[in-house]
Every structure is written in C-alpha cells, then in structure tokens.
C-alpha cells in the first residue's frame, strides 16, 4: 500500500483484509504495483478515485500497462483531520498533506487558515510524519496517522463534502472467480471519428449490461487520442458479457480487461 504507516491506503488494506495481515508500505503508487509484480507481496491496494477530487491518474496510467489484475475494491469513508504536536490552531506556519486531501479540504483551509502555506506530501502518512518533526507545522490526515506519529487532532472532519469517499482497488497476479455479484473493469481505445464511442456502447445496451463508469484519459502517445476506462455490471466470464465484449472489441483499436471482482460491500 502507499506508505508510510498511517495512510488511508493502509486503512483500506485493513478494512479489506483485517489486522492480521503483514503490511508492506511503499513510497509511491508505482512501487505498490511493482512490489506485487516482483512477487514481494501477494496483493496491492491502490487508490483510484475520490468522490470529491475525481480520479487518481497515476493509478489509471499504471493499470494500462501493468500485468496485475483487479481482484477487489474497497470503499472507504475518508475523514480528514487537522493534527499537530500542539493542541491549538495558533502558531501554525505550514500544513502538509497529499494533493487530493488538500483539494478535499480547500474551503475549510481558506476559512480557518487563509494565510498558512500548504505543502504537498507524497501521502497523508508522510504529511503526519513531517508534522511530527516540526512544532510549527500541521498535517491533514486520518486518525490512524495521528496514532502512528503521536499527533493531537485539533480539528476533526474538515473535508468540504460530508460524504467524502475514496475507492481503492485490490490487485494481484491472479484472476478472480465469479462471486455472483461482480463488476468487470476494462480499458479501451477507439479511432478518433464521429460515432466511434456510440459503436462501443451499443453492444452493451443490446445485451442489457449495466454501465457504471465511463472515464476518458489522454493516450500517452500525445496525438490527442483517448483511452476509456469502463466498469460494467457482471463478470467477464459470463457468456452474455463475453458475447458483448467480442462485439465491442471489433470496434476498438485496443481493449484490455483489467479484472473482474466482487462489488464492495
């Protein structure tokens, strides 16, 4: 998971697997993927989207090229807290946090700490670690980070949206068998011409397959081409979904099944 200790990624791993697992903190999302690809860990837990700030683009880019398969998902209600070594707001000169968390707490910071400098950290856990070393600093992170680094929470639930939720993916080297209540994730690309996207979606509609996500990202070739990340209801091993995907693929310049996995509970 994205480390160090105390990140929301660690909290997501604990929610999915329980406390008994051996946890491996990685310095960045790239290394989270690589650790499982190299066989140093069985599973990776990576953030993919937030209800306020949208997609985690680095995770989407790595899914495009990685050999790992999505085998699960975790929905984590994200509660952002301001924490520091002292017990009050006075004297704070800098606030550390991950870029997504700073965005999720933008309005609160403007109202309560308008003159304080914000610095982006690689993770919320790293932000808390930095704040633990500087008496004039604070961090925005979760309760787990406050416990890990001995910080006092001086303002709770400072996120701008009350139902702030982050979706995490669980990835492994193996496929997941159907559970009866599944989702399949794909990434695909089409030629840039009128009606191309409609041609992709029509087979799904004809086979009565629900579409729960459609998100575009610029292709890495820099030629104003796009790839589309798609989530559909059901497991790709289902014959009806297989038939639909065969039709979809005939209209694609590229299609990759990222994995099929049980819906988050």
Protein backbone atom coordinates (compact mmCIF):
# COMPACT_ATOMS: atom_id res chain seq x y z
CA UNK A 1 0.00 0.00 0.00
CA UNK A 2 1.01 3.63 -0.37
CA UNK A 3 3.01 4.42 2.77
CA UNK A 4 4.35 5.32 5.14
CA UNK A 5 2.26 3.96 8.02
CA UNK A 6 -0.93 5.83 8.77
CA UNK A 7 -2.21 6.47 5.25
CA UNK A 8 -5.77 5.97 4.07
CA UNK A 9 -4.37 3.24 1.81
CA UNK A 10 -3.26 1.34 4.91
CA UNK A 11 -6.73 1.84 6.40
CA UNK A 12 -8.27 0.45 3.19
CA UNK A 13 -5.97 -2.60 3.34
CA UNK A 14 -7.00 -3.24 6.94
CA UNK A 15 -10.69 -2.84 6.07
CA UNK A 16 -10.40 -5.39 3.24
CA UNK A 17 -8.03 -7.97 4.76
CA UNK A 18 -8.18 -7.40 8.53
CA UNK A 19 -5.46 -6.58 11.05
CA UNK A 20 -3.68 -9.96 10.89
CA UNK A 21 -2.01 -9.40 7.51
CA UNK A 22 1.63 -8.45 7.08
CA UNK A 23 1.61 -4.94 5.62
CA UNK A 24 4.26 -3.52 3.28
CA UNK A 25 4.40 0.29 2.99
CA UNK A 26 5.70 1.61 -0.37
CA UNK A 27 6.97 5.14 -1.14
CA UNK A 28 4.75 5.71 -4.19
CA UNK A 29 1.96 4.09 -6.22
CA UNK A 30 4.41 2.82 -8.85
CA UNK A 31 6.23 0.81 -6.20
CA UNK A 32 2.91 -0.55 -4.87
CA UNK A 33 2.35 -2.15 -8.28
CA UNK A 34 5.98 -3.26 -8.70
CA UNK A 35 6.12 -4.99 -5.30
CA UNK A 36 3.33 -7.37 -6.34
CA UNK A 37 4.64 -7.79 -9.89
CA UNK A 38 8.01 -8.85 -8.41
CA UNK A 39 6.36 -11.28 -6.01
CA UNK A 40 7.35 -9.36 -2.87
CA UNK A 41 3.67 -9.10 -1.86
CA UNK A 42 0.51 -11.03 -2.71
CA UNK A 43 -1.80 -8.04 -3.13
CA UNK A 44 -1.65 -4.34 -3.85
CA UNK A 45 -4.11 -1.74 -2.54
CA UNK A 46 -4.16 1.47 -4.59
CA UNK A 47 -6.49 4.50 -4.59
CA UNK A 48 -8.27 5.00 -7.90
CA UNK A 49 -10.90 7.74 -7.37
CA UNK A 50 -12.35 10.10 -4.80
CA UNK A 51 -15.92 11.35 -4.69
CA UNK A 52 -14.74 14.97 -4.39
CA UNK A 53 -11.47 15.17 -6.32
CA UNK A 54 -12.06 12.55 -9.01
CA UNK A 55 -9.61 10.05 -10.49
CA UNK A 56 -6.16 9.18 -9.21
CA UNK A 57 -4.47 9.45 -12.58
CA UNK A 58 -1.26 7.62 -11.71
CA UNK A 59 -3.22 4.50 -10.78
CA UNK A 60 -5.16 4.66 -14.06
CA UNK A 61 -1.94 5.02 -16.07
CA UNK A 62 -0.35 2.02 -14.32
CA UNK A 63 -3.43 -0.15 -14.91
CA UNK A 64 -2.96 0.41 -18.63
CA UNK A 65 0.48 -1.25 -18.69
CA UNK A 66 0.63 -3.50 -15.62
CA UNK A 67 0.15 -7.28 -15.74
CA UNK A 68 -1.75 -7.19 -12.43
CA UNK A 69 -5.48 -7.95 -12.31
CA UNK A 70 -8.07 -6.12 -10.25
CA UNK A 71 -9.46 -8.68 -7.79
CA UNK A 72 -11.38 -6.46 -5.38
CA UNK A 73 -12.44 -2.96 -4.43
CA UNK A 74 -12.74 -1.06 -1.15
CA UNK A 75 -14.95 1.96 -0.46
CA UNK A 76 -13.50 3.98 2.41
CA UNK A 77 -15.32 6.89 4.02
CA UNK A 78 -12.49 9.42 4.29
CA UNK A 79 -12.48 11.64 7.36
CA UNK A 80 -9.84 14.35 7.14
CA UNK A 81 -8.45 15.73 10.40
CA UNK A 82 -6.02 18.56 11.13
CA UNK A 83 -3.30 17.39 13.52
CA UNK A 84 -0.09 18.65 15.06
CA UNK A 85 2.16 18.33 18.10
CA UNK A 86 0.46 21.24 19.91
CA UNK A 87 -3.23 21.38 20.93
CA UNK A 88 -4.45 24.54 19.16
CA UNK A 89 -4.51 26.36 15.81
CA UNK A 90 -2.25 29.24 16.82
CA UNK A 91 1.30 29.28 15.52
CA UNK A 92 0.75 27.04 12.51
CA UNK A 93 3.01 28.18 9.67
CA UNK A 94 2.61 25.30 7.23
CA UNK A 95 0.14 22.47 6.56
CA UNK A 96 1.34 19.25 4.94
CA UNK A 97 -0.95 16.83 3.12
CA UNK A 98 -1.43 14.79 -0.02
CA UNK A 99 -2.62 16.77 -3.03
CA UNK A 100 -6.03 15.04 -3.02
CA UNK A 101 -6.58 15.82 0.66
CA UNK A 102 -5.66 19.47 0.21
CA UNK A 103 -8.28 19.65 -2.53
CA UNK A 104 -10.87 17.90 -0.35
CA UNK A 105 -10.32 20.46 2.45
CA UNK A 106 -9.83 23.57 0.31
CA UNK A 107 -12.75 25.60 1.67
CA UNK A 108 -12.02 24.78 5.31
CA UNK A 109 -8.40 25.90 4.89
CA UNK A 110 -9.50 29.14 3.23
CA UNK A 111 -11.88 29.92 6.10
CA UNK A 112 -9.71 28.90 9.04
CA UNK A 113 -6.06 29.13 7.94
CA UNK A 114 -6.10 31.56 4.97
CA UNK A 115 -2.54 32.80 5.42
CA UNK A 116 -0.92 29.44 6.13
CA UNK A 117 1.26 27.86 3.46
CA UNK A 118 0.29 24.39 2.19
CA UNK A 119 2.88 21.86 1.04
CA UNK A 120 2.05 18.70 -0.89
CA UNK A 121 3.37 15.43 0.55
CA UNK A 122 3.58 12.05 -1.17
CA UNK A 123 0.92 10.68 1.21
CA UNK A 124 -1.10 11.62 4.28
CA UNK A 125 1.10 9.38 6.38
CA UNK A 126 4.20 11.21 5.17
CA UNK A 127 2.47 14.53 5.94
CA UNK A 128 1.85 13.40 9.52
CA UNK A 129 5.46 12.25 9.87
CA UNK A 130 6.71 15.65 8.70
CA UNK A 131 4.38 17.45 11.09
CA UNK A 132 5.63 15.31 13.96
CA UNK A 133 9.12 16.71 13.37
CA UNK A 134 8.13 20.39 13.16
CA UNK A 135 6.35 22.22 16.04
CA UNK A 136 5.17 24.97 13.65
CA UNK A 137 3.56 22.52 11.20
CA UNK A 138 0.27 20.67 10.99
CA UNK A 139 -0.92 17.85 8.74
CA UNK A 140 -4.21 16.81 7.21
CA UNK A 141 -4.57 13.05 7.54
CA UNK A 142 -6.67 10.30 9.09
CA UNK A 143 -6.95 9.17 12.68
CA UNK A 144 -4.59 6.26 12.03
CA UNK A 145 -1.81 8.71 11.14
CA UNK A 146 -2.35 10.70 14.34
CA UNK A 147 -1.96 7.50 16.36
CA UNK A 148 1.13 6.37 14.44
CA UNK A 149 3.02 9.67 14.86
CA UNK A 150 1.79 10.83 18.26
CA UNK A 151 -0.08 13.90 17.00
CA UNK A 152 -3.08 15.63 18.55
CA UNK A 153 -6.19 16.09 16.41
CA UNK A 154 -7.14 19.77 16.74
CA UNK A 155 -9.93 19.88 14.12
CA UNK A 156 -11.99 16.86 13.06
CA UNK A 157 -13.86 16.13 9.81
CA UNK A 158 -12.61 19.18 7.92
CA UNK A 159 -13.39 17.77 4.48
CA UNK A 160 -15.66 20.06 2.44
CA UNK A 161 -18.07 17.26 1.42
CA UNK A 162 -19.69 15.31 4.28
CA UNK A 163 -19.81 12.01 2.36
CA UNK A 164 -16.22 12.14 1.12
CA UNK A 165 -15.34 8.60 -0.05
CA UNK A 166 -12.30 7.11 -1.77
CA UNK A 167 -12.44 3.96 -3.87
CA UNK A 168 -9.42 1.66 -3.68
CA UNK A 169 -8.58 -1.25 -5.95
CA UNK A 170 -7.12 -4.54 -4.75
CA UNK A 171 -4.78 -6.08 -7.33
CA UNK A 172 -2.99 -9.42 -7.64
CA UNK A 173 -1.28 -11.61 -10.22
CA UNK A 174 -4.30 -13.97 -10.44
CA UNK A 175 -7.81 -13.76 -11.88
CA UNK A 176 -10.82 -13.86 -9.55
CA UNK A 177 -13.63 -16.41 -9.99
CA UNK A 178 -17.23 -15.19 -10.26
CA UNK A 179 -18.95 -14.49 -6.94
CA UNK A 180 -22.45 -13.84 -8.26
CA UNK A 181 -22.27 -10.10 -7.58
CA UNK A 182 -19.40 -8.80 -9.68
CA UNK A 183 -18.06 -5.91 -11.68
CA UNK A 184 -15.68 -6.01 -14.67
CA UNK A 185 -13.25 -3.19 -15.43
CA UNK A 186 -11.90 -2.53 -18.94
CA UNK A 187 -9.68 -0.03 -20.67
CA UNK A 188 -10.09 0.53 -24.39
CA UNK A 189 -9.41 2.96 -27.14
CA UNK A 190 -11.13 3.84 -30.39
CA UNK A 191 -10.18 5.67 -33.54
CA UNK A 192 -11.00 9.37 -33.37
CA UNK A 193 -14.01 9.58 -35.70
CA UNK A 194 -17.69 10.51 -35.33
CA UNK A 195 -19.84 7.81 -33.74
CA UNK A 196 -16.92 5.66 -32.58
CA UNK A 197 -17.85 5.76 -28.89
CA UNK A 198 -21.50 5.02 -29.63
CA UNK A 199 -20.44 1.89 -31.53
CA UNK A 200 -18.70 0.68 -28.36
CA UNK A 201 -21.66 1.27 -26.08
CA UNK A 202 -24.37 -0.16 -28.36
CA UNK A 203 -23.44 -3.86 -27.83
CA UNK A 204 -23.59 -3.36 -24.04
CA UNK A 205 -27.07 -1.88 -24.32
CA UNK A 206 -28.24 -4.61 -26.70
CA UNK A 207 -27.07 -7.31 -24.25
CA UNK A 208 -28.64 -5.37 -21.34
CA UNK A 209 -25.35 -4.94 -19.48
CA UNK A 210 -25.22 -2.10 -16.98
CA UNK A 211 -22.51 0.53 -17.32
CA UNK A 212 -21.39 2.05 -14.00
CA UNK A 213 -18.35 4.05 -15.12
CA UNK A 214 -17.01 5.66 -18.29
CA UNK A 215 -13.96 7.88 -17.92
CA UNK A 216 -11.55 9.17 -20.55
CA UNK A 217 -7.83 9.82 -20.26
CA UNK A 218 -5.47 11.21 -22.90
CA UNK A 219 -3.42 8.46 -24.51
CA UNK A 220 0.29 8.59 -23.78
CA UNK A 221 1.19 8.92 -27.48
CA UNK A 222 0.46 12.67 -27.35
CA UNK A 223 -1.61 12.64 -30.55
CA UNK A 224 -4.89 13.80 -28.95
CA UNK A 225 -6.13 10.22 -28.81
CA UNK A 226 -8.02 8.99 -25.74
CA UNK A 227 -8.40 5.77 -23.78
CA UNK A 228 -11.61 4.99 -21.91
CA UNK A 229 -11.87 3.28 -18.55
CA UNK A 230 -15.14 1.37 -18.32
CA UNK A 231 -16.84 -0.53 -15.47
CA UNK A 232 -19.70 -2.88 -16.35
CA UNK A 233 -22.00 -4.98 -14.19
CA UNK A 234 -21.19 -8.70 -14.05
CA UNK A 235 -18.17 -11.00 -14.50
CA UNK A 236 -16.49 -11.16 -17.91
CA UNK A 237 -16.65 -14.99 -17.76
CA UNK A 238 -20.44 -14.78 -18.16
CA UNK A 239 -21.36 -15.91 -21.72
CA UNK A 240 -23.61 -12.90 -22.30
CA UNK A 241 -20.83 -10.49 -21.31
CA UNK A 242 -18.30 -12.41 -23.40
CA UNK A 243 -20.54 -12.02 -26.46
CA UNK A 244 -20.97 -8.31 -25.83
CA UNK A 245 -17.24 -7.75 -25.34
CA UNK A 246 -16.45 -9.63 -28.55
CA UNK A 247 -18.69 -7.15 -30.38
CA UNK A 248 -17.14 -4.20 -28.54
CA UNK A 249 -13.63 -5.39 -29.41
CA UNK A 250 -14.47 -5.43 -33.12
CA UNK A 251 -14.90 -1.63 -32.92
CA UNK A 252 -11.76 -1.00 -30.81
CA UNK A 253 -8.18 -0.24 -31.69
CA UNK A 254 -7.25 -1.59 -28.23
CA UNK A 255 -9.07 -3.42 -25.42
CA UNK A 256 -7.75 -4.81 -22.15
CA UNK A 257 -9.74 -6.50 -19.37
CA UNK A 258 -8.34 -5.11 -16.12
CA UNK A 259 -10.17 -7.63 -13.94
CA UNK A 260 -13.49 -8.90 -12.64
CA UNK A 261 -14.16 -8.78 -8.91
CA UNK A 262 -16.87 -8.71 -6.25
CA UNK A 263 -18.62 -5.40 -5.62
CA UNK A 264 -17.54 -3.61 -2.46
CA UNK A 265 -19.87 -4.16 0.48
